Amino acid sequence: MQIFRGRVERVAEAARAVQVRAYHRLWRAAGRWRERDRAGAGDQRGVSTAEYALLLALVVVVLITALSTLGTALRDRIADLTDTIVNAQ
């Protein structure tokens, strides 16, 4: 029994060492991924979001200007039509 107990302990110790090495590799890889995210991809996403926000603001300004001009033109046209109808009677 002593022979088997010694082998089992050595196998268990080897398995723990493999687990520890795998854990350390994963930890280092996660650290590299975090660094890449901070250095590259995170900045690019923020820039893209800012660009889309500026583009949306520009579209809103153009729409407001176009609709207010169109509203003024429509109001004048409707006023002319109502004056024509009122004067025709």
Protein backbone atom coordinates (compact mmCIF):
# COMPACT_ATOMS: atom_id res chain seq x y z
CA MET A 1 0.00 0.00 0.00
CA GLN A 2 2.86 2.37 0.73
CA ILE A 3 4.08 2.06 -2.86
CA PHE A 4 0.74 3.12 -4.28
CA ARG A 5 0.31 5.92 -1.74
CA GLY A 6 3.64 7.43 -2.77
CA ARG A 7 2.77 7.24 -6.46
CA VAL A 8 -0.67 8.74 -5.91
CA GLU A 9 0.86 11.61 -3.95
CA ARG A 10 3.42 12.25 -6.71
CA VAL A 11 0.69 12.20 -9.37
CA ALA A 12 -1.48 14.54 -7.31
CA GLU A 13 1.48 16.87 -6.78
CA ALA A 14 2.24 16.84 -10.52
CA ALA A 15 -1.42 17.56 -11.30
CA ARG A 16 -1.40 20.52 -8.88
CA ALA A 17 1.76 21.85 -10.53
CA VAL A 18 0.11 21.59 -13.96
CA GLN A 19 -2.96 23.39 -12.64
CA VAL A 20 -0.85 26.16 -11.13
CA ARG A 21 1.11 26.63 -14.38
CA ALA A 22 -2.12 26.70 -16.39
CA TYR A 23 -3.61 29.24 -13.97
CA HIS A 24 -0.53 31.46 -14.26
CA ARG A 25 -0.62 31.25 -18.06
CA LEU A 26 -4.29 32.22 -18.12
CA TRP A 27 -3.65 35.08 -15.68
CA ARG A 28 -0.82 36.46 -17.84
CA ALA A 29 -2.93 36.08 -21.00
CA ALA A 30 -5.82 37.93 -19.36
CA GLY A 31 -3.41 40.71 -18.39
CA ARG A 32 -2.20 40.99 -21.99
CA TRP A 33 -5.80 41.11 -23.23
CA ARG A 34 -6.62 43.90 -20.76
CA GLU A 35 -3.57 45.86 -21.87
CA ARG A 36 -4.49 45.47 -25.55
CA ASP A 37 -8.03 46.56 -24.80
CA ARG A 38 -6.84 49.64 -22.93
CA ALA A 39 -4.25 50.53 -25.55
CA GLY A 40 -6.13 49.89 -28.76
CA ALA A 41 -9.67 48.65 -29.03
CA GLY A 42 -11.08 50.70 -26.14
CA ASP A 43 -9.79 53.93 -27.65
CA GLN A 44 -11.11 53.07 -31.10
CA ARG A 45 -14.59 52.36 -29.76
CA GLY A 46 -14.63 55.68 -27.97
CA VAL A 47 -13.52 57.53 -31.09
CA SER A 48 -16.16 55.79 -33.18
CA THR A 49 -18.84 56.71 -30.67
CA ALA A 50 -17.75 60.35 -30.71
CA GLU A 51 -17.74 60.40 -34.51
CA TYR A 52 -21.26 58.97 -34.63
CA ALA A 53 -22.45 61.51 -32.06
CA LEU A 54 -21.01 64.40 -34.10
CA LEU A 55 -22.58 63.02 -37.28
CA LEU A 56 -25.94 62.68 -35.53
CA ALA A 57 -25.70 66.26 -34.25
CA LEU A 58 -24.98 67.49 -37.78
CA VAL A 59 -27.97 65.57 -39.16
CA VAL A 60 -30.21 67.05 -36.45
CA VAL A 61 -29.05 70.61 -37.23
CA VAL A 62 -29.66 70.06 -40.96
CA LEU A 63 -33.12 68.60 -40.29
CA ILE A 64 -34.11 71.46 -37.99
CA THR A 65 -32.97 74.02 -40.54
CA ALA A 66 -34.72 72.24 -43.41
CA LEU A 67 -37.96 71.73 -41.51
CA SER A 68 -38.11 75.30 -40.24
CA THR A 69 -37.51 76.61 -43.77
CA LEU A 70 -40.10 74.20 -45.14
CA GLY A 71 -42.52 75.15 -42.36
CA THR A 72 -42.15 78.84 -43.18
CA ALA A 73 -42.67 78.17 -46.89
CA LEU A 74 -45.73 76.01 -46.18
CA ARG A 75 -47.20 78.62 -43.82
CA ASP A 76 -46.80 81.34 -46.49
CA ARG A 77 -48.27 79.09 -49.18
CA ILE A 78 -51.29 78.19 -47.01
CA ALA A 79 -51.82 81.87 -46.15
CA ASP A 80 -51.80 82.74 -49.88
CA LEU A 81 -54.31 79.96 -50.60
CA THR A 82 -56.66 81.04 -47.80
CA ASP A 83 -56.45 84.68 -48.97
CA THR A 84 -57.27 83.57 -52.51
CA ILE A 85 -60.25 81.52 -51.29
CA VAL A 86 -61.53 84.33 -49.05
CA ASN A 87 -61.18 86.95 -51.82
CA ALA A 88 -62.85 84.68 -54.40
CA GLN A 89 -66.13 84.65 -52.49
